[in-house]
């Protein structure tokens, strides 16, 4: 089961450039390891991360096989409007994890 951590600074003012930090735990597999019986463990990685503010895409990253387990991703966002941030991680084998957070910069 995935668990996400999202850090949005407090005391944001409208117009500020804000660093948003995310970390998600995910049972990553490279596809190169074998189990105790010598059977190859299928690759299981995250393939995309996206963030939308009020349904408008503000950040997206396509993740490749070299991505670390439990990836930490940070990005910058200009605080121009209030609303809801929706964070979406997608991966192989139908994996999707969605988290939402309020985003409310002070005037």
N, C-alpha and C. Protein backbone atom coordinates (compact mmCIF):
# COMPACT_ATOMS: atom_id res chain seq x y z
N UNK A 1 0.84 -1.17 0.00
CA UNK A 1 0.00 0.00 0.00
C UNK A 1 0.89 1.24 0.00
N UNK A 2 0.60 2.17 -0.85
CA UNK A 2 1.38 3.39 -0.95
C UNK A 2 0.99 4.37 0.14
N UNK A 3 1.97 5.13 0.57
CA UNK A 3 1.73 6.18 1.56
C UNK A 3 2.48 7.42 1.07
N UNK A 4 1.76 8.52 0.97
CA UNK A 4 2.38 9.75 0.45
C UNK A 4 2.54 10.78 1.55
N UNK A 5 3.63 11.53 1.43
CA UNK A 5 3.86 12.69 2.29
C UNK A 5 3.97 13.90 1.39
N UNK A 6 3.28 14.95 1.76
CA UNK A 6 3.27 16.17 0.97
C UNK A 6 3.55 17.34 1.91
N UNK A 7 4.52 18.16 1.54
CA UNK A 7 4.88 19.31 2.36
C UNK A 7 4.64 20.59 1.55
N UNK A 8 3.67 21.37 2.02
CA UNK A 8 3.38 22.68 1.45
C UNK A 8 3.66 23.69 2.54
N UNK A 9 4.55 24.66 2.29
CA UNK A 9 4.90 25.62 3.35
C UNK A 9 3.67 26.37 3.87
N UNK A 10 3.74 26.75 5.11
CA UNK A 10 2.68 27.59 5.70
C UNK A 10 3.01 29.05 5.44
N UNK A 11 2.08 29.90 5.70
CA UNK A 11 2.25 31.35 5.57
C UNK A 11 2.66 31.76 4.16
N UNK A 12 1.99 31.20 3.18
CA UNK A 12 2.24 31.57 1.78
C UNK A 12 1.47 32.85 1.47
N UNK A 13 2.11 33.74 0.75
CA UNK A 13 1.45 34.97 0.32
C UNK A 13 1.27 34.91 -1.19
N UNK A 14 0.20 35.51 -1.66
CA UNK A 14 -0.08 35.54 -3.09
C UNK A 14 1.12 36.12 -3.84
N UNK A 15 1.55 35.44 -4.88
CA UNK A 15 2.70 35.87 -5.67
C UNK A 15 4.00 35.19 -5.28
N UNK A 16 4.03 34.54 -4.12
CA UNK A 16 5.25 33.84 -3.68
C UNK A 16 5.55 32.66 -4.61
N UNK A 17 6.82 32.36 -4.76
CA UNK A 17 7.25 31.13 -5.43
C UNK A 17 7.45 30.10 -4.33
N UNK A 18 6.67 29.03 -4.36
CA UNK A 18 6.59 28.07 -3.27
C UNK A 18 7.19 26.73 -3.71
N UNK A 19 8.05 26.16 -2.86
CA UNK A 19 8.56 24.82 -3.13
C UNK A 19 7.65 23.81 -2.45
N UNK A 20 7.13 22.89 -3.24
CA UNK A 20 6.27 21.83 -2.73
C UNK A 20 7.06 20.53 -2.83
N UNK A 21 7.07 19.77 -1.74
CA UNK A 21 7.86 18.55 -1.66
C UNK A 21 6.94 17.35 -1.46
N UNK A 22 7.23 16.27 -2.18
CA UNK A 22 6.43 15.05 -2.05
C UNK A 22 7.34 13.83 -1.91
N UNK A 23 6.83 12.85 -1.23
CA UNK A 23 7.52 11.57 -1.09
C UNK A 23 6.45 10.49 -1.03
N UNK A 24 6.64 9.42 -1.77
CA UNK A 24 5.67 8.33 -1.74
C UNK A 24 6.41 7.02 -1.56
N UNK A 25 5.84 6.16 -0.72
CA UNK A 25 6.39 4.81 -0.57
C UNK A 25 5.66 3.92 -1.57
N UNK A 26 6.43 3.10 -2.25
CA UNK A 26 5.87 2.23 -3.28
C UNK A 26 6.78 1.01 -3.40
N UNK A 27 6.22 -0.17 -3.52
CA UNK A 27 7.05 -1.39 -3.61
C UNK A 27 7.69 -1.53 -4.99
N UNK A 28 8.71 -0.72 -5.24
CA UNK A 28 9.36 -0.69 -6.55
C UNK A 28 10.13 -1.98 -6.81
N UNK A 29 10.09 -2.42 -8.05
CA UNK A 29 10.88 -3.55 -8.52
C UNK A 29 11.47 -3.19 -9.87
N UNK A 30 12.74 -3.47 -10.06
CA UNK A 30 13.43 -3.10 -11.30
C UNK A 30 13.11 -4.04 -12.46
N UNK A 31 12.72 -5.25 -12.15
CA UNK A 31 12.51 -6.25 -13.19
C UNK A 31 13.75 -7.08 -13.46
N UNK A 32 14.83 -6.79 -12.75
CA UNK A 32 16.09 -7.52 -12.93
C UNK A 32 16.34 -8.55 -11.83
N UNK A 33 15.63 -8.43 -10.71
CA UNK A 33 15.86 -9.35 -9.59
C UNK A 33 15.11 -10.64 -9.81
N UNK A 34 15.57 -11.68 -9.12
CA UNK A 34 14.88 -12.97 -9.14
C UNK A 34 14.51 -13.35 -7.72
N UNK A 35 13.46 -14.15 -7.59
CA UNK A 35 13.06 -14.59 -6.26
C UNK A 35 13.88 -15.81 -5.83
N UNK A 36 13.53 -16.40 -4.70
CA UNK A 36 14.31 -17.52 -4.16
C UNK A 36 14.27 -18.77 -5.05
N UNK A 37 13.30 -18.83 -5.96
CA UNK A 37 13.21 -19.96 -6.89
C UNK A 37 13.86 -19.66 -8.23
N UNK A 38 14.45 -18.49 -8.35
CA UNK A 38 15.11 -18.10 -9.60
C UNK A 38 14.18 -17.51 -10.64
N UNK A 39 12.95 -17.23 -10.26
CA UNK A 39 11.97 -16.65 -11.18
C UNK A 39 12.12 -15.13 -11.15
N UNK A 40 12.16 -14.53 -12.33
CA UNK A 40 12.31 -13.08 -12.43
C UNK A 40 11.09 -12.37 -11.81
N UNK A 41 11.36 -11.40 -10.95
CA UNK A 41 10.29 -10.60 -10.33
C UNK A 41 9.92 -9.52 -11.34
N UNK A 42 8.64 -9.42 -11.72
CA UNK A 42 8.25 -8.45 -12.74
C UNK A 42 8.52 -7.02 -12.31
N UNK A 43 8.86 -6.18 -13.30
CA UNK A 43 9.10 -4.77 -13.02
C UNK A 43 7.82 -4.13 -12.50
N UNK A 44 7.96 -3.28 -11.50
CA UNK A 44 6.84 -2.57 -10.90
C UNK A 44 7.34 -1.20 -10.47
N UNK A 45 7.16 -0.22 -11.34
CA UNK A 45 7.66 1.13 -11.06
C UNK A 45 6.54 2.15 -11.21
N UNK A 46 6.76 3.31 -10.64
CA UNK A 46 5.89 4.44 -10.90
C UNK A 46 6.27 5.00 -12.26
N UNK A 47 5.29 5.41 -13.03
CA UNK A 47 5.56 5.89 -14.38
C UNK A 47 5.25 7.36 -14.59
N UNK A 48 4.41 7.93 -13.73
CA UNK A 48 4.07 9.34 -13.90
C UNK A 48 3.64 9.96 -12.58
N UNK A 49 3.95 11.24 -12.44
CA UNK A 49 3.51 12.04 -11.29
C UNK A 49 2.96 13.33 -11.86
N UNK A 50 1.78 13.73 -11.41
CA UNK A 50 1.20 14.99 -11.88
C UNK A 50 0.52 15.71 -10.74
N UNK A 51 0.45 17.03 -10.89
CA UNK A 51 -0.21 17.88 -9.90
C UNK A 51 -1.10 18.86 -10.64
N UNK A 52 -2.34 18.97 -10.17
CA UNK A 52 -3.29 19.91 -10.76
C UNK A 52 -3.77 20.86 -9.67
N UNK A 53 -3.96 22.12 -10.03
CA UNK A 53 -4.55 23.11 -9.15
C UNK A 53 -5.90 23.47 -9.75
N UNK A 54 -6.98 23.15 -9.04
CA UNK A 54 -8.33 23.38 -9.54
C UNK A 54 -8.52 22.78 -10.93
N UNK A 55 -8.08 21.54 -11.10
CA UNK A 55 -8.22 20.79 -12.36
C UNK A 55 -7.36 21.31 -13.51
N UNK A 56 -6.43 22.23 -13.24
CA UNK A 56 -5.49 22.70 -14.25
C UNK A 56 -4.12 22.12 -13.92
N UNK A 57 -3.54 21.40 -14.87
CA UNK A 57 -2.24 20.79 -14.66
C UNK A 57 -1.18 21.86 -14.43
N UNK A 58 -0.44 21.74 -13.30
CA UNK A 58 0.62 22.71 -12.99
C UNK A 58 2.00 22.07 -12.95
N UNK A 59 2.06 20.73 -12.87
CA UNK A 59 3.34 20.03 -12.87
C UNK A 59 3.11 18.60 -13.31
N UNK A 60 4.05 18.07 -14.12
CA UNK A 60 3.98 16.68 -14.53
C UNK A 60 5.38 16.16 -14.77
N UNK A 61 5.62 14.92 -14.35
CA UNK A 61 6.90 14.27 -14.59
C UNK A 61 6.65 12.84 -15.06
N UNK A 62 7.31 12.47 -16.14
CA UNK A 62 7.29 11.09 -16.60
C UNK A 62 8.48 10.40 -15.96
N UNK A 63 8.21 9.33 -15.24
CA UNK A 63 9.25 8.63 -14.49
C UNK A 63 9.71 7.41 -15.28
N UNK A 64 11.00 7.17 -15.27
CA UNK A 64 11.62 6.11 -16.06
C UNK A 64 12.13 4.99 -15.15
N UNK A 65 12.58 3.88 -15.71
CA UNK A 65 13.02 2.75 -14.89
C UNK A 65 14.12 3.08 -13.87
N UNK A 66 14.90 4.12 -14.09
CA UNK A 66 15.97 4.47 -13.16
C UNK A 66 15.50 5.21 -11.92
N UNK A 67 14.19 5.45 -11.77
CA UNK A 67 13.67 6.20 -10.63
C UNK A 67 13.93 5.41 -9.34
N UNK A 68 14.25 6.13 -8.30
CA UNK A 68 14.54 5.51 -7.01
C UNK A 68 13.27 4.95 -6.38
N UNK A 69 13.45 3.97 -5.53
CA UNK A 69 12.33 3.49 -4.72
C UNK A 69 11.91 4.63 -3.81
N UNK A 70 10.62 4.73 -3.54
CA UNK A 70 10.09 5.78 -2.68
C UNK A 70 10.55 7.16 -3.15
N UNK A 71 10.19 7.54 -4.37
CA UNK A 71 10.74 8.77 -4.95
C UNK A 71 10.30 10.05 -4.23
N UNK A 72 11.30 10.91 -4.04
CA UNK A 72 11.11 12.26 -3.51
C UNK A 72 11.09 13.19 -4.70
N UNK A 73 10.03 13.96 -4.85
CA UNK A 73 9.91 14.91 -5.95
C UNK A 73 9.54 16.26 -5.37
N UNK A 74 10.28 17.29 -5.78
CA UNK A 74 9.93 18.65 -5.37
C UNK A 74 9.81 19.50 -6.62
N UNK A 75 8.97 20.52 -6.54
CA UNK A 75 8.78 21.44 -7.65
C UNK A 75 8.35 22.79 -7.09
N UNK A 76 8.43 23.81 -7.93
CA UNK A 76 8.05 25.16 -7.52
C UNK A 76 6.75 25.56 -8.19
N UNK A 77 5.94 26.30 -7.44
CA UNK A 77 4.65 26.76 -7.92
C UNK A 77 4.45 28.21 -7.48
N UNK A 78 4.07 29.06 -8.41
CA UNK A 78 3.76 30.45 -8.07
C UNK A 78 2.37 30.49 -7.47
N UNK A 79 2.25 31.07 -6.29
CA UNK A 79 0.98 31.12 -5.54
C UNK A 79 0.13 32.27 -6.06
N UNK A 80 -0.57 32.02 -7.15
CA UNK A 80 -1.40 33.07 -7.75
C UNK A 80 -2.87 32.94 -7.42
N UNK A 81 -3.30 31.74 -7.03
CA UNK A 81 -4.71 31.55 -6.71
C UNK A 81 -4.88 30.47 -5.64
N UNK A 82 -6.01 30.53 -4.98
CA UNK A 82 -6.36 29.51 -3.99
C UNK A 82 -7.06 28.36 -4.69
N UNK A 83 -7.11 27.24 -4.00
CA UNK A 83 -7.85 26.12 -4.54
C UNK A 83 -7.39 24.80 -3.95
N UNK A 84 -7.63 23.76 -4.70
CA UNK A 84 -7.28 22.41 -4.27
C UNK A 84 -6.19 21.86 -5.19
N UNK A 85 -5.11 21.38 -4.56
CA UNK A 85 -4.05 20.70 -5.29
C UNK A 85 -4.36 19.21 -5.29
N UNK A 86 -4.30 18.59 -6.45
CA UNK A 86 -4.52 17.16 -6.58
C UNK A 86 -3.22 16.53 -7.07
N UNK A 87 -2.66 15.65 -6.27
CA UNK A 87 -1.41 14.96 -6.56
C UNK A 87 -1.75 13.54 -7.01
N UNK A 88 -1.25 13.13 -8.17
CA UNK A 88 -1.56 11.81 -8.70
C UNK A 88 -0.28 11.09 -9.10
N UNK A 89 -0.08 9.91 -8.53
CA UNK A 89 1.02 9.03 -8.90
C UNK A 89 0.41 7.86 -9.65
N UNK A 90 0.95 7.50 -10.80
CA UNK A 90 0.49 6.33 -11.53
C UNK A 90 1.67 5.41 -11.79
N UNK A 91 1.38 4.15 -11.91
CA UNK A 91 2.44 3.18 -12.12
C UNK A 91 1.96 2.00 -12.92
N UNK A 92 2.80 1.01 -12.97
CA UNK A 92 2.48 -0.19 -13.72
C UNK A 92 1.44 -1.02 -12.97
N UNK A 93 0.84 -1.94 -13.69
CA UNK A 93 -0.12 -2.89 -13.13
C UNK A 93 -1.36 -2.20 -12.55
N UNK A 94 -1.75 -1.05 -13.13
CA UNK A 94 -2.97 -0.36 -12.72
C UNK A 94 -2.86 0.48 -11.46
N UNK A 95 -1.64 0.72 -10.98
CA UNK A 95 -1.45 1.48 -9.75
C UNK A 95 -1.80 2.95 -9.95
N UNK A 96 -2.62 3.50 -9.08
CA UNK A 96 -2.90 4.93 -9.02
C UNK A 96 -3.10 5.32 -7.57
N UNK A 97 -2.46 6.42 -7.18
CA UNK A 97 -2.63 6.95 -5.82
C UNK A 97 -2.88 8.45 -5.95
N UNK A 98 -3.96 8.93 -5.33
CA UNK A 98 -4.35 10.34 -5.42
C UNK A 98 -4.46 10.93 -4.03
N UNK A 99 -3.89 12.12 -3.86
CA UNK A 99 -4.00 12.86 -2.60
C UNK A 99 -4.41 14.30 -2.96
N UNK A 100 -5.18 14.94 -2.07
CA UNK A 100 -5.53 16.33 -2.29
C UNK A 100 -5.14 17.15 -1.07
N UNK A 101 -4.82 18.42 -1.33
CA UNK A 101 -4.47 19.35 -0.26
C UNK A 101 -5.02 20.73 -0.63
N UNK A 102 -5.44 21.46 0.39
CA UNK A 102 -5.88 22.84 0.18
C UNK A 102 -4.65 23.72 -0.09
N UNK A 103 -4.83 24.67 -0.96
CA UNK A 103 -3.76 25.63 -1.29
C UNK A 103 -4.40 27.01 -1.21
N UNK A 104 -4.01 27.76 -0.19
CA UNK A 104 -4.70 29.03 0.08
C UNK A 104 -3.71 30.13 0.46
N UNK A 105 -3.07 30.75 -0.55
CA UNK A 105 -2.15 31.84 -0.23
C UNK A 105 -2.91 33.07 0.29
N UNK A 106 -2.29 33.75 1.25
CA UNK A 106 -2.89 34.96 1.80
C UNK A 106 -2.72 36.11 0.81
N UNK A 107 -3.67 37.03 0.79
CA UNK A 107 -3.55 38.18 -0.14
C UNK A 107 -2.35 39.06 0.15
